[in-house]
Structures are given as C-alpha cells and as structure tokens.
C-alpha cells in the first residue's frame, strides 16, 4: 500500500514508515506542497495512493467524490510524528483490509466522537 502524506503531516513519515509502506510520498516530494486539496486528491487517484491526513476536508471529499482515492483520516488530536507513525504501524492490518475494499472511501484512525 502506497500512501501520500498531506502537508499537515511531517515529511519524515515517508522514511520512518518505508519498511511498512514502501514507495509512499509526501506532498512536498511530488511538487504539491502548495496545492489545494483537489489537486492532491487527483494526484492520489491518478497514482494509486491512499491519502493520509488530519484534515477534515479530505474526509468530506471522500463523501462528495467517492473512491478512488481512499482516505485515512487521522483523528489523534495534538500528537507527535512518532505518535502518528505508531498509530499507522499498529493499524497495518486494518489499513490492508480497508485498502482491499474497493468501495471503502475513508478510514478513521483515532478518536471517533459521538454524534
């Protein structure tokens, strides 16, 4: 599974998670550091990448446009890059199952608030 990390996440995740998610990228690595969400969405769709973000906008785009691409929405609050790395590693099997569901639009990792 290849991931694309949004600008609100550290570029260091690409290297620290390379063993678990090889060939992943950060938006800055592909010239999208200043891109709007729709440009990142289209790049992820065209390059078979799963978007990882703390930004609710990608969650909303997944409702509006549907997959692909799929979105992993990190709901971890204030946290470190290490916390994000650990959450993604701990969720590898859930992520693999999510990735295999062609109709799965988004996966929330972290706190799910009651409605």
PDB file of N, CA and C in Angstrom:
ATOM      1  N   UNK A   1       0.839  -1.174   0.000  1.00  0.00           N
ATOM      2  CA  UNK A   1       0.000   0.000   0.000  1.00  0.00           C
ATOM      3  C   UNK A   1       0.881   1.233   0.000  1.00  0.00           C
ATOM      4  N   UNK A   2       0.623   2.095  -0.949  1.00  0.00           N
ATOM      5  CA  UNK A   2       1.375   3.346  -1.067  1.00  0.00           C
ATOM      6  C   UNK A   2       0.526   4.483  -0.521  1.00  0.00           C
ATOM      7  N   UNK A   3       1.150   5.313   0.316  1.00  0.00           N
ATOM      8  CA  UNK A   3       0.465   6.425   0.955  1.00  0.00           C
ATOM      9  C   UNK A   3       0.998   7.743   0.428  1.00  0.00           C
ATOM     10  N   UNK A   4       0.157   8.770   0.495  1.00  0.00           N
ATOM     11  CA  UNK A   4       0.617  10.134   0.285  1.00  0.00           C
ATOM     12  C   UNK A   4       0.234  10.921   1.529  1.00  0.00           C
ATOM     13  N   UNK A   5       1.236  11.502   2.178  1.00  0.00           N
ATOM     14  CA  UNK A   5       1.027  12.257   3.398  1.00  0.00           C
ATOM     15  C   UNK A   5       0.768  13.718   3.054  1.00  0.00           C
ATOM     16  N   UNK A   6      -0.292  14.248   3.629  1.00  0.00           N
ATOM     17  CA  UNK A   6      -0.701  15.628   3.394  1.00  0.00           C
ATOM     18  C   UNK A   6       0.299  16.599   4.027  1.00  0.00           C
ATOM     19  N   UNK A   7       0.190  17.852   3.628  1.00  0.00           N
ATOM     20  CA  UNK A   7       1.117  18.874   4.094  1.00  0.00           C
ATOM     21  C   UNK A   7       1.055  19.099   5.598  1.00  0.00           C
ATOM     22  N   UNK A   8      -0.045  18.716   6.241  1.00  0.00           N
ATOM     23  CA  UNK A   8      -0.141  18.913   7.684  1.00  0.00           C
ATOM     24  C   UNK A   8       0.568  17.812   8.478  1.00  0.00           C
ATOM     25  N   UNK A   9       1.206  16.882   7.784  1.00  0.00           N
ATOM     26  CA  UNK A   9       1.972  15.812   8.416  1.00  0.00           C
ATOM     27  C   UNK A   9       3.441  15.940   8.037  1.00  0.00           C
ATOM     28  N   UNK A  10       4.296  15.427   8.876  1.00  0.00           N
ATOM     29  CA  UNK A  10       5.731  15.533   8.639  1.00  0.00           C
ATOM     30  C   UNK A  10       6.187  14.693   7.449  1.00  0.00           C
ATOM     31  N   UNK A  11       7.081  15.277   6.657  1.00  0.00           N
ATOM     32  CA  UNK A  11       7.694  14.555   5.536  1.00  0.00           C
ATOM     33  C   UNK A  11       8.531  13.379   6.036  1.00  0.00           C
ATOM     34  N   UNK A  12       8.919  13.410   7.306  1.00  0.00           N
ATOM     35  CA  UNK A  12       9.745  12.340   7.877  1.00  0.00           C
ATOM     36  C   UNK A  12       9.014  11.004   7.935  1.00  0.00           C
ATOM     37  N   UNK A  13       7.687  11.030   7.868  1.00  0.00           N
ATOM     38  CA  UNK A  13       6.920   9.784   7.903  1.00  0.00           C
ATOM     39  C   UNK A  13       7.247   8.882   6.721  1.00  0.00           C
ATOM     40  N   UNK A  14       7.610   9.478   5.597  1.00  0.00           N
ATOM     41  CA  UNK A  14       7.959   8.679   4.416  1.00  0.00           C
ATOM     42  C   UNK A  14       9.120   7.750   4.737  1.00  0.00           C
ATOM     43  N   UNK A  15      10.166   8.269   5.358  1.00  0.00           N
ATOM     44  CA  UNK A  15      11.334   7.437   5.649  1.00  0.00           C
ATOM     45  C   UNK A  15      11.122   6.539   6.857  1.00  0.00           C
ATOM     46  N   UNK A  16      10.441   7.034   7.889  1.00  0.00           N
ATOM     47  CA  UNK A  16      10.272   6.203   9.081  1.00  0.00           C
ATOM     48  C   UNK A  16       9.302   5.045   8.847  1.00  0.00           C
ATOM     49  N   UNK A  17       8.422   5.178   7.865  1.00  0.00           N
ATOM     50  CA  UNK A  17       7.459   4.116   7.567  1.00  0.00           C
ATOM     51  C   UNK A  17       7.771   3.364   6.268  1.00  0.00           C
ATOM     52  N   UNK A  18       8.963   3.585   5.728  1.00  0.00           N
ATOM     53  CA  UNK A  18       9.324   2.972   4.441  1.00  0.00           C
ATOM     54  C   UNK A  18       9.286   1.453   4.475  1.00  0.00           C
ATOM     55  N   UNK A  19       9.581   0.857   5.615  1.00  0.00           N
ATOM     56  CA  UNK A  19       9.544  -0.605   5.709  1.00  0.00           C
ATOM     57  C   UNK A  19       8.113  -1.139   5.697  1.00  0.00           C
ATOM     58  N   UNK A  20       7.183  -0.387   6.253  1.00  0.00           N
ATOM     59  CA  UNK A  20       5.792  -0.824   6.332  1.00  0.00           C
ATOM     60  C   UNK A  20       4.962  -0.386   5.119  1.00  0.00           C
ATOM     61  N   UNK A  21       5.280   0.790   4.590  1.00  0.00           N
ATOM     62  CA  UNK A  21       4.536   1.361   3.466  1.00  0.00           C
ATOM     63  C   UNK A  21       5.521   1.868   2.407  1.00  0.00           C
ATOM     64  N   UNK A  22       6.179   0.936   1.707  1.00  0.00           N
ATOM     65  CA  UNK A  22       7.195   1.339   0.727  1.00  0.00           C
ATOM     66  C   UNK A  22       6.603   2.165  -0.408  1.00  0.00           C
ATOM     67  N   UNK A  23       7.438   3.007  -0.965  1.00  0.00           N
ATOM     68  CA  UNK A  23       7.078   3.856  -2.104  1.00  0.00           C
ATOM     69  C   UNK A  23       6.019   4.894  -1.778  1.00  0.00           C
ATOM     70  N   UNK A  24       5.850   5.193  -0.498  1.00  0.00           N
ATOM     71  CA  UNK A  24       4.948   6.268  -0.107  1.00  0.00           C
ATOM     72  C   UNK A  24       5.637   7.603  -0.343  1.00  0.00           C
ATOM     73  N   UNK A  25       4.864   8.673  -0.382  1.00  0.00           N
ATOM     74  CA  UNK A  25       5.401  10.004  -0.661  1.00  0.00           C
ATOM     75  C   UNK A  25       4.735  11.036   0.241  1.00  0.00           C
ATOM     76  N   UNK A  26       5.376  12.173   0.314  1.00  0.00           N
ATOM     77  CA  UNK A  26       4.806  13.348   0.972  1.00  0.00           C
ATOM     78  C   UNK A  26       4.453  14.337  -0.135  1.00  0.00           C
ATOM     79  N   UNK A  27       3.455  15.156   0.075  1.00  0.00           N
ATOM     80  CA  UNK A  27       3.052  16.094  -0.980  1.00  0.00           C
ATOM     81  C   UNK A  27       4.218  16.951  -1.459  1.00  0.00           C
ATOM     82  N   UNK A  28       5.113  17.297  -0.573  1.00  0.00           N
ATOM     83  CA  UNK A  28       6.249  18.143  -0.999  1.00  0.00           C
ATOM     84  C   UNK A  28       7.189  17.396  -1.944  1.00  0.00           C
ATOM     85  N   UNK A  29       7.234  16.052  -1.826  1.00  0.00           N
ATOM     86  CA  UNK A  29       8.105  15.241  -2.684  1.00  0.00           C
ATOM     87  C   UNK A  29       7.640  15.216  -4.126  1.00  0.00           C
ATOM     88  N   UNK A  30       6.372  15.505  -4.346  1.00  0.00           N
ATOM     89  CA  UNK A  30       5.802  15.414  -5.694  1.00  0.00           C
ATOM     90  C   UNK A  30       5.296  16.771  -6.194  1.00  0.00           C
ATOM     91  N   UNK A  31       5.841  17.841  -5.612  1.00  0.00           N
ATOM     92  CA  UNK A  31       5.521  19.187  -6.074  1.00  0.00           C
ATOM     93  C   UNK A  31       4.140  19.683  -5.698  1.00  0.00           C
ATOM     94  N   UNK A  32       3.560  19.127  -4.629  1.00  0.00           N
ATOM     95  CA  UNK A  32       2.205  19.520  -4.246  1.00  0.00           C
ATOM     96  C   UNK A  32       2.137  20.196  -2.873  1.00  0.00           C
ATOM     97  N   UNK A  33       3.248  20.718  -2.399  1.00  0.00           N
ATOM     98  CA  UNK A  33       3.279  21.334  -1.069  1.00  0.00           C
ATOM     99  C   UNK A  33       2.308  22.505  -0.963  1.00  0.00           C
ATOM    100  N   UNK A  34       2.119  23.226  -2.028  1.00  0.00           N
ATOM    101  CA  UNK A  34       1.224  24.392  -2.018  1.00  0.00           C
ATOM    102  C   UNK A  34      -0.089  24.111  -2.743  1.00  0.00           C
ATOM    103  N   UNK A  35      -0.317  22.871  -3.116  1.00  0.00           N
ATOM    104  CA  UNK A  35      -1.507  22.512  -3.890  1.00  0.00           C
ATOM    105  C   UNK A  35      -2.761  22.539  -3.023  1.00  0.00           C
ATOM    106  N   UNK A  36      -3.892  22.754  -3.676  1.00  0.00           N
ATOM    107  CA  UNK A  36      -5.143  22.668  -2.933  1.00  0.00           C
ATOM    108  C   UNK A  36      -5.542  21.197  -2.800  1.00  0.00           C
ATOM    109  N   UNK A  37      -6.539  20.951  -1.984  1.00  0.00           N
ATOM    110  CA  UNK A  37      -6.933  19.576  -1.674  1.00  0.00           C
ATOM    111  C   UNK A  37      -7.354  18.795  -2.911  1.00  0.00           C
ATOM    112  N   UNK A  38      -8.031  19.444  -3.844  1.00  0.00           N
ATOM    113  CA  UNK A  38      -8.491  18.742  -5.035  1.00  0.00           C
ATOM    114  C   UNK A  38      -7.315  18.299  -5.908  1.00  0.00           C
ATOM    115  N   UNK A  39      -6.261  19.103  -5.969  1.00  0.00           N
ATOM    116  CA  UNK A  39      -5.074  18.708  -6.728  1.00  0.00           C
ATOM    117  C   UNK A  39      -4.401  17.483  -6.100  1.00  0.00           C
ATOM    118  N   UNK A  40      -4.329  17.466  -4.774  1.00  0.00           N
ATOM    119  CA  UNK A  40      -3.759  16.316  -4.070  1.00  0.00           C
ATOM    120  C   UNK A  40      -4.646  15.098  -4.312  1.00  0.00           C
ATOM    121  N   UNK A  41      -5.949  15.294  -4.247  1.00  0.00           N
ATOM    122  CA  UNK A  41      -6.917  14.211  -4.490  1.00  0.00           C
ATOM    123  C   UNK A  41      -6.695  13.594  -5.870  1.00  0.00           C
ATOM    124  N   UNK A  42      -6.597  14.447  -6.873  1.00  0.00           N
ATOM    125  CA  UNK A  42      -6.423  13.959  -8.247  1.00  0.00           C
ATOM    126  C   UNK A  42      -5.089  13.243  -8.421  1.00  0.00           C
ATOM    127  N   UNK A  43      -4.035  13.765  -7.809  1.00  0.00           N
ATOM    128  CA  UNK A  43      -2.734  13.116  -7.892  1.00  0.00           C
ATOM    129  C   UNK A  43      -2.791  11.732  -7.248  1.00  0.00           C
ATOM    130  N   UNK A  44      -3.404  11.656  -6.070  1.00  0.00           N
ATOM    131  CA  UNK A  44      -3.525  10.372  -5.375  1.00  0.00           C
ATOM    132  C   UNK A  44      -4.335   9.390  -6.220  1.00  0.00           C
ATOM    133  N   UNK A  45      -5.427   9.847  -6.787  1.00  0.00           N
ATOM    134  CA  UNK A  45      -6.263   8.982  -7.633  1.00  0.00           C
ATOM    135  C   UNK A  45      -5.477   8.477  -8.836  1.00  0.00           C
ATOM    136  N   UNK A  46      -4.780   9.373  -9.499  1.00  0.00           N
ATOM    137  CA  UNK A  46      -4.053   9.020 -10.715  1.00  0.00           C
ATOM    138  C   UNK A  46      -2.830   8.143 -10.464  1.00  0.00           C
ATOM    139  N   UNK A  47      -2.334   8.135  -9.236  1.00  0.00           N
ATOM    140  CA  UNK A  47      -1.117   7.386  -8.907  1.00  0.00           C
ATOM    141  C   UNK A  47      -1.356   6.262  -7.899  1.00  0.00           C
ATOM    142  N   UNK A  48      -2.619   5.905  -7.701  1.00  0.00           N
ATOM    143  CA  UNK A  48      -2.987   4.777  -6.846  1.00  0.00           C
ATOM    144  C   UNK A  48      -2.405   4.907  -5.438  1.00  0.00           C
ATOM    145  N   UNK A  49      -2.596   6.078  -4.840  1.00  0.00           N
ATOM    146  CA  UNK A  49      -2.115   6.354  -3.493  1.00  0.00           C
ATOM    147  C   UNK A  49      -3.290   6.533  -2.541  1.00  0.00           C
ATOM    148  N   UNK A  50      -3.080   6.185  -1.288  1.00  0.00           N
ATOM    149  CA  UNK A  50      -4.051   6.423  -0.228  1.00  0.00           C
ATOM    150  C   UNK A  50      -3.637   7.710   0.481  1.00  0.00           C
ATOM    151  N   UNK A  51      -4.562   8.657   0.592  1.00  0.00           N
ATOM    152  CA  UNK A  51      -4.272   9.931   1.255  1.00  0.00           C
ATOM    153  C   UNK A  51      -4.324   9.733   2.766  1.00  0.00           C
ATOM    154  N   UNK A  52      -3.298  10.227   3.454  1.00  0.00           N
ATOM    155  CA  UNK A  52      -3.272  10.228   4.914  1.00  0.00           C
ATOM    156  C   UNK A  52      -3.222  11.684   5.359  1.00  0.00           C
ATOM    157  N   UNK A  53      -4.202  12.080   6.176  1.00  0.00           N
ATOM    158  CA  UNK A  53      -4.309  13.478   6.559  1.00  0.00           C
ATOM    159  C   UNK A  53      -4.999  13.631   7.898  1.00  0.00           C
ATOM    160  N   UNK A  54      -4.749  14.755   8.561  1.00  0.00           N
ATOM    161  CA  UNK A  54      -5.502  15.138   9.744  1.00  0.00           C
ATOM    162  C   UNK A  54      -6.591  16.140   9.357  1.00  0.00           C
ATOM    163  N   UNK A  55      -6.661  16.461   8.085  1.00  0.00           N
ATOM    164  CA  UNK A  55      -7.551  17.489   7.549  1.00  0.00           C
ATOM    165  C   UNK A  55      -8.931  16.901   7.248  1.00  0.00           C
ATOM    166  N   UNK A  56      -9.956  17.481   7.827  1.00  0.00           N
ATOM    167  CA  UNK A  56     -11.324  17.013   7.608  1.00  0.00           C
ATOM    168  C   UNK A  56     -11.769  17.190   6.155  1.00  0.00           C
ATOM    169  N   UNK A  57     -11.135  18.090   5.420  1.00  0.00           N
ATOM    170  CA  UNK A  57     -11.538  18.346   4.034  1.00  0.00           C
ATOM    171  C   UNK A  57     -11.438  17.087   3.167  1.00  0.00           C
ATOM    172  N   UNK A  58     -10.427  16.275   3.379  1.00  0.00           N
ATOM    173  CA  UNK A  58     -10.299  15.048   2.587  1.00  0.00           C
ATOM    174  C   UNK A  58     -11.408  14.052   2.944  1.00  0.00           C
ATOM    175  N   UNK A  59     -11.787  14.039   4.200  1.00  0.00           N
ATOM    176  CA  UNK A  59     -12.909  13.208   4.628  1.00  0.00           C
ATOM    177  C   UNK A  59     -14.167  13.649   3.877  1.00  0.00           C
ATOM    178  N   UNK A  60     -14.379  14.957   3.783  1.00  0.00           N
ATOM    179  CA  UNK A  60     -15.553  15.480   3.083  1.00  0.00           C
ATOM    180  C   UNK A  60     -15.482  15.187   1.584  1.00  0.00           C
ATOM    181  N   UNK A  61     -14.294  15.303   0.996  1.00  0.00           N
ATOM    182  CA  UNK A  61     -14.148  14.968  -0.429  1.00  0.00           C
ATOM    183  C   UNK A  61     -14.473  13.501  -0.690  1.00  0.00           C
ATOM    184  N   UNK A  62     -14.150  12.645   0.268  1.00  0.00           N
ATOM    185  CA  UNK A  62     -14.443  11.226   0.065  1.00  0.00           C
ATOM    186  C   UNK A  62     -15.951  10.984  -0.004  1.00  0.00           C
ATOM    187  N   UNK A  63     -16.743  11.776   0.718  1.00  0.00           N
ATOM    188  CA  UNK A  63     -18.202  11.680   0.613  1.00  0.00           C
ATOM    189  C   UNK A  63     -18.686  12.230  -0.717  1.00  0.00           C
ATOM    190  N   UNK A  64     -18.120  13.345  -1.115  1.00  0.00           N
ATOM    191  CA  UNK A  64     -18.549  14.029  -2.330  1.00  0.00           C
ATOM    192  C   UNK A  64     -18.164  13.271  -3.598  1.00  0.00           C
ATOM    193  N   UNK A  65     -16.927  12.790  -3.662  1.00  0.00           N
ATOM    194  CA  UNK A  65     -16.407  12.194  -4.896  1.00  0.00           C
ATOM    195  C   UNK A  65     -16.296  10.673  -4.853  1.00  0.00           C
ATOM    196  N   UNK A  66     -16.253  10.098  -3.656  1.00  0.00           N
ATOM    197  CA  UNK A  66     -16.095   8.648  -3.535  1.00  0.00           C
ATOM    198  C   UNK A  66     -14.714   8.199  -3.970  1.00  0.00           C
ATOM    199  N   UNK A  67     -14.414   6.933  -3.707  1.00  0.00           N
ATOM    200  CA  UNK A  67     -13.097   6.428  -4.099  1.00  0.00           C
ATOM    201  C   UNK A  67     -13.049   6.089  -5.581  1.00  0.00           C
ATOM    202  N   UNK A  68     -11.878   5.972  -6.152  1.00  0.00           N
ATOM    203  CA  UNK A  68     -10.587   6.294  -5.549  1.00  0.00           C
ATOM    204  C   UNK A  68     -10.334   7.799  -5.579  1.00  0.00           C
ATOM    205  N   UNK A  69      -9.398   8.271  -4.785  1.00  0.00           N
ATOM    206  CA  UNK A  69      -8.552   7.538  -3.849  1.00  0.00           C
ATOM    207  C   UNK A  69      -9.275   7.297  -2.527  1.00  0.00           C
ATOM    208  N   UNK A  70      -8.674   6.479  -1.736  1.00  0.00           N
ATOM    209  CA  UNK A  70      -9.168   6.261  -0.385  1.00  0.00           C
ATOM    210  C   UNK A  70      -8.451   7.234   0.546  1.00  0.00           C
ATOM    211  N   UNK A  71      -9.086   7.509   1.686  1.00  0.00           N
ATOM    212  CA  UNK A  71      -8.564   8.482   2.640  1.00  0.00           C
ATOM    213  C   UNK A  71      -8.451   7.851   4.023  1.00  0.00           C
ATOM    214  N   UNK A  72      -7.300   8.038   4.646  1.00  0.00           N
ATOM    215  CA  UNK A  72      -7.126   7.697   6.052  1.00  0.00           C
ATOM    216  C   UNK A  72      -7.116   9.022   6.804  1.00  0.00           C
ATOM    217  N   UNK A  73      -8.136   9.196   7.626  1.00  0.00           N
ATOM    218  CA  UNK A  73      -8.296  10.435   8.379  1.00  0.00           C
ATOM    219  C   UNK A  73      -7.796  10.200   9.796  1.00  0.00           C
ATOM    220  N   UNK A  74      -6.706  10.874  10.150  1.00  0.00           N
ATOM    221  CA  UNK A  74      -6.099  10.729  11.470  1.00  0.00           C
ATOM    222  C   UNK A  74      -6.795  11.653  12.457  1.00  0.00           C
ATOM    223  N   UNK A  75      -7.427  11.063  13.439  1.00  0.00           N
ATOM    224  CA  UNK A  75      -8.134  11.805  14.489  1.00  0.00           C
ATOM    225  C   UNK A  75      -7.391  11.581  15.805  1.00  0.00           C
ATOM    226  N   UNK A  76      -6.172  12.065  15.861  1.00  0.00           N
ATOM    227  CA  UNK A  76      -5.316  11.799  17.008  1.00  0.00           C
ATOM    228  C   UNK A  76      -5.115  13.021  17.897  1.00  0.00           C
ATOM    229  N   UNK A  77      -5.738  14.146  17.555  1.00  0.00           N
ATOM    230  CA  UNK A  77      -5.541  15.357  18.336  1.00  0.00           C
ATOM    231  C   UNK A  77      -4.105  15.847  18.211  1.00  0.00           C
ATOM    232  N   UNK A  78      -3.681  16.605  19.195  1.00  0.00           N
ATOM    233  CA  UNK A  78      -2.299  17.067  19.210  1.00  0.00           C
ATOM    234  C   UNK A  78      -1.409  15.873  19.502  1.00  0.00           C
ATOM    235  N   UNK A  79      -0.514  15.603  18.583  1.00  0.00           N
ATOM    236  CA  UNK A  79       0.349  14.432  18.745  1.00  0.00           C
ATOM    237  C   UNK A  79       1.656  14.665  18.010  1.00  0.00           C
ATOM    238  N   UNK A  80       2.596  13.806  18.275  1.00  0.00           N
ATOM    239  CA  UNK A  80       3.904  13.906  17.642  1.00  0.00           C
ATOM    240  C   UNK A  80       3.919  13.063  16.364  1.00  0.00           C
ATOM    241  N   UNK A  81       4.943  13.267  15.581  1.00  0.00           N
ATOM    242  CA  UNK A  81       5.145  12.445  14.390  1.00  0.00           C
ATOM    243  C   UNK A  81       5.326  10.985  14.784  1.00  0.00           C
ATOM    244  N   UNK A  82       5.991  10.751  15.909  1.00  0.00           N
ATOM    245  CA  UNK A  82       6.163   9.384  16.404  1.00  0.00           C
ATOM    246  C   UNK A  82       4.818   8.762  16.748  1.00  0.00           C
ATOM    247  N   UNK A  83       3.911   9.542  17.331  1.00  0.00           N
ATOM    248  CA  UNK A  83       2.569   9.034  17.638  1.00  0.00           C
ATOM    249  C   UNK A  83       1.842   8.613  16.364  1.00  0.00           C
ATOM    250  N   UNK A  84       1.985   9.407  15.315  1.00  0.00           N
ATOM    251  CA  UNK A  84       1.350   9.090  14.034  1.00  0.00           C
ATOM    252  C   UNK A  84       1.963   7.831  13.444  1.00  0.00           C
ATOM    253  N   UNK A  85       3.288   7.754  13.480  1.00  0.00           N
ATOM    254  CA  UNK A  85       3.971   6.552  12.985  1.00  0.00           C
ATOM    255  C   UNK A  85       3.471   5.312  13.724  1.00  0.00           C
ATOM    256  N   UNK A  86       3.409   5.386  15.040  1.00  0.00           N
ATOM    257  CA  UNK A  86       2.971   4.244  15.842  1.00  0.00           C
ATOM    258  C   UNK A  86       1.523   3.872  15.540  1.00  0.00           C
ATOM    259  N   UNK A  87       0.662   4.857  15.351  1.00  0.00           N
ATOM    260  CA  UNK A  87      -0.747   4.588  15.044  1.00  0.00           C
ATOM    261  C   UNK A  87      -0.881   3.889  13.692  1.00  0.00           C
ATOM    262  N   UNK A  88      -0.119   4.333  12.711  1.00  0.00           N
ATOM    263  CA  UNK A  88      -0.176   3.697  11.388  1.00  0.00           C
ATOM    264  C   UNK A  88       0.390   2.279  11.439  1.00  0.00           C
ATOM    265  N   UNK A  89       1.473   2.095  12.157  1.00  0.00           N
ATOM    266  CA  UNK A  89       2.046   0.746  12.289  1.00  0.00           C
ATOM    267  C   UNK A  89       1.063  -0.191  13.002  1.00  0.00           C
ATOM    268  N   UNK A  90       0.456   0.293  14.074  1.00  0.00           N
ATOM    269  CA  UNK A  90      -0.473  -0.534  14.845  1.00  0.00           C
ATOM    270  C   UNK A  90      -1.722  -0.883  14.038  1.00  0.00           C
ATOM    271  N   UNK A  91      -2.011  -0.094  13.020  1.00  0.00           N
ATOM    272  CA  UNK A  91      -3.223  -0.283  12.215  1.00  0.00           C
ATOM    273  C   UNK A  91      -2.944  -0.921  10.861  1.00  0.00           C
ATOM    274  N   UNK A  92      -1.768  -1.480  10.676  1.00  0.00           N
ATOM    275  CA  UNK A  92      -1.397  -2.036   9.364  1.00  0.00           C
ATOM    276  C   UNK A  92      -2.406  -3.032   8.826  1.00  0.00           C
ATOM    277  N   UNK A  93      -2.900  -3.918   9.667  1.00  0.00           N
ATOM    278  CA  UNK A  93      -3.845  -4.931   9.192  1.00  0.00           C
ATOM    279  C   UNK A  93      -5.194  -4.301   8.850  1.00  0.00           C
ATOM    280  N   UNK A  94      -5.632  -3.348   9.671  1.00  0.00           N
ATOM    281  CA  UNK A  94      -6.872  -2.624   9.360  1.00  0.00           C
ATOM    282  C   UNK A  94      -6.722  -1.845   8.050  1.00  0.00           C
ATOM    283  N   UNK A  95      -5.563  -1.250   7.858  1.00  0.00           N
ATOM    284  CA  UNK A  95      -5.305  -0.495   6.630  1.00  0.00           C
ATOM    285  C   UNK A  95      -5.311  -1.415   5.412  1.00  0.00           C
ATOM    286  N   UNK A  96      -4.719  -2.587   5.546  1.00  0.00           N
ATOM    287  CA  UNK A  96      -4.698  -3.536   4.433  1.00  0.00           C
ATOM    288  C   UNK A  96      -6.111  -4.001   4.088  1.00  0.00           C
ATOM    289  N   UNK A  97      -6.914  -4.245   5.092  1.00  0.00           N
ATOM    290  CA  UNK A  97      -8.303  -4.646   4.858  1.00  0.00           C
ATOM    291  C   UNK A  97      -9.080  -3.510   4.195  1.00  0.00           C
ATOM    292  N   UNK A  98      -8.885  -2.299   4.689  1.00  0.00           N
ATOM    293  CA  UNK A  98      -9.518  -1.118   4.108  1.00  0.00           C
ATOM    294  C   UNK A  98      -9.120  -0.971   2.645  1.00  0.00           C
ATOM    295  N   UNK A  99      -7.843  -1.113   2.364  1.00  0.00           N
ATOM    296  CA  UNK A  99      -7.324  -0.951   1.004  1.00  0.00           C
ATOM    297  C   UNK A  99      -7.938  -1.969   0.050  1.00  0.00           C
ATOM    298  N   UNK A 100      -8.226  -3.143   0.540  1.00  0.00           N
ATOM    299  CA  UNK A 100      -8.778  -4.189  -0.330  1.00  0.00           C
ATOM    300  C   UNK A 100     -10.270  -3.998  -0.611  1.00  0.00           C
ATOM    301  N   UNK A 101     -10.902  -3.076   0.089  1.00  0.00           N
ATOM    302  CA  UNK A 101     -12.327  -2.787  -0.121  1.00  0.00           C
ATOM    303  C   UNK A 101     -12.453  -1.676  -1.153  1.00  0.00           C
ATOM    304  N   UNK A 102     -12.755  -2.032  -2.384  1.00  0.00           N
ATOM    305  CA  UNK A 102     -12.793  -1.054  -3.473  1.00  0.00           C
ATOM    306  C   UNK A 102     -13.861   0.015  -3.275  1.00  0.00           C
ATOM    307  N   UNK A 103     -14.822  -0.238  -2.401  1.00  0.00           N
ATOM    308  CA  UNK A 103     -15.865   0.754  -2.155  1.00  0.00           C
ATOM    309  C   UNK A 103     -15.628   1.545  -0.873  1.00  0.00           C
ATOM    310  N   UNK A 104     -14.578   1.197  -0.128  1.00  0.00           N
ATOM    311  CA  UNK A 104     -14.262   1.926   1.098  1.00  0.00           C
ATOM    312  C   UNK A 104     -13.689   3.291   0.762  1.00  0.00           C
ATOM    313  N   UNK A 105     -14.336   4.339   1.235  1.00  0.00           N
ATOM    314  CA  UNK A 105     -13.906   5.697   0.908  1.00  0.00           C
ATOM    315  C   UNK A 105     -12.932   6.271   1.926  1.00  0.00           C
ATOM    316  N   UNK A 106     -13.204   6.024   3.228  1.00  0.00           N
ATOM    317  CA  UNK A 106     -12.319   6.570   4.242  1.00  0.00           C
ATOM    318  C   UNK A 106     -12.271   5.667   5.449  1.00  0.00           C
ATOM    319  N   UNK A 107     -11.163   5.807   6.162  1.00  0.00           N
ATOM    320  CA  UNK A 107     -10.947   5.076   7.401  1.00  0.00           C
ATOM    321  C   UNK A 107     -10.490   6.085   8.434  1.00  0.00           C
ATOM    322  N   UNK A 108     -11.143   6.076   9.571  1.00  0.00           N
ATOM    323  CA  UNK A 108     -10.764   6.975  10.660  1.00  0.00           C
ATOM    324  C   UNK A 108      -9.852   6.217  11.613  1.00  0.00           C
ATOM    325  N   UNK A 109      -8.688   6.788  11.874  1.00  0.00           N
ATOM    326  CA  UNK A 109      -7.774   6.242  12.892  1.00  0.00           C
ATOM    327  C   UNK A 109      -7.733   7.224  14.048  1.00  0.00           C
ATOM    328  N   UNK A 110      -8.077   6.752  15.218  1.00  0.00           N
ATOM    329  CA  UNK A 110      -8.043   7.604  16.390  1.00  0.00           C
ATOM    330  C   UNK A 110      -9.400   7.717  17.022  1.00  0.00           C
ATOM    331  N   UNK A 111      -9.668   8.872  17.567  1.00  0.00           N
ATOM    332  CA  UNK A 111     -10.886   9.104  18.335  1.00  0.00           C
ATOM    333  C   UNK A 111     -12.070   9.371  17.416  1.00  0.00           C
ATOM    334  N   UNK A 112     -13.119   8.629  17.631  1.00  0.00           N
ATOM    335  CA  UNK A 112     -14.371   8.872  16.903  1.00  0.00           C
ATOM    336  C   UNK A 112     -15.324   9.504  17.917  1.00  0.00           C
ATOM    337  N   UNK A 113     -15.753  10.726  17.598  1.00  0.00           N
ATOM    338  CA  UNK A 113     -16.626  11.445  18.525  1.00  0.00           C
ATOM    339  C   UNK A 113     -18.068  11.039  18.317  1.00  0.00           C
ATOM    340  N   UNK A 114     -18.777  10.884  19.427  1.00  0.00           N
ATOM    341  CA  UNK A 114     -20.203  10.541  19.347  1.00  0.00           C
ATOM    342  C   UNK A 114     -20.978  11.740  18.826  1.00  0.00           C
ATOM    343  N   UNK A 115     -22.007  11.446  18.051  1.00  0.00           N
ATOM    344  CA  UNK A 115     -22.721  12.381  17.316  1.00  0.00           C
ATOM    345  C   UNK A 115     -23.582  13.394  17.791  1.00  0.00           C
TER     346      UNK A 115
END
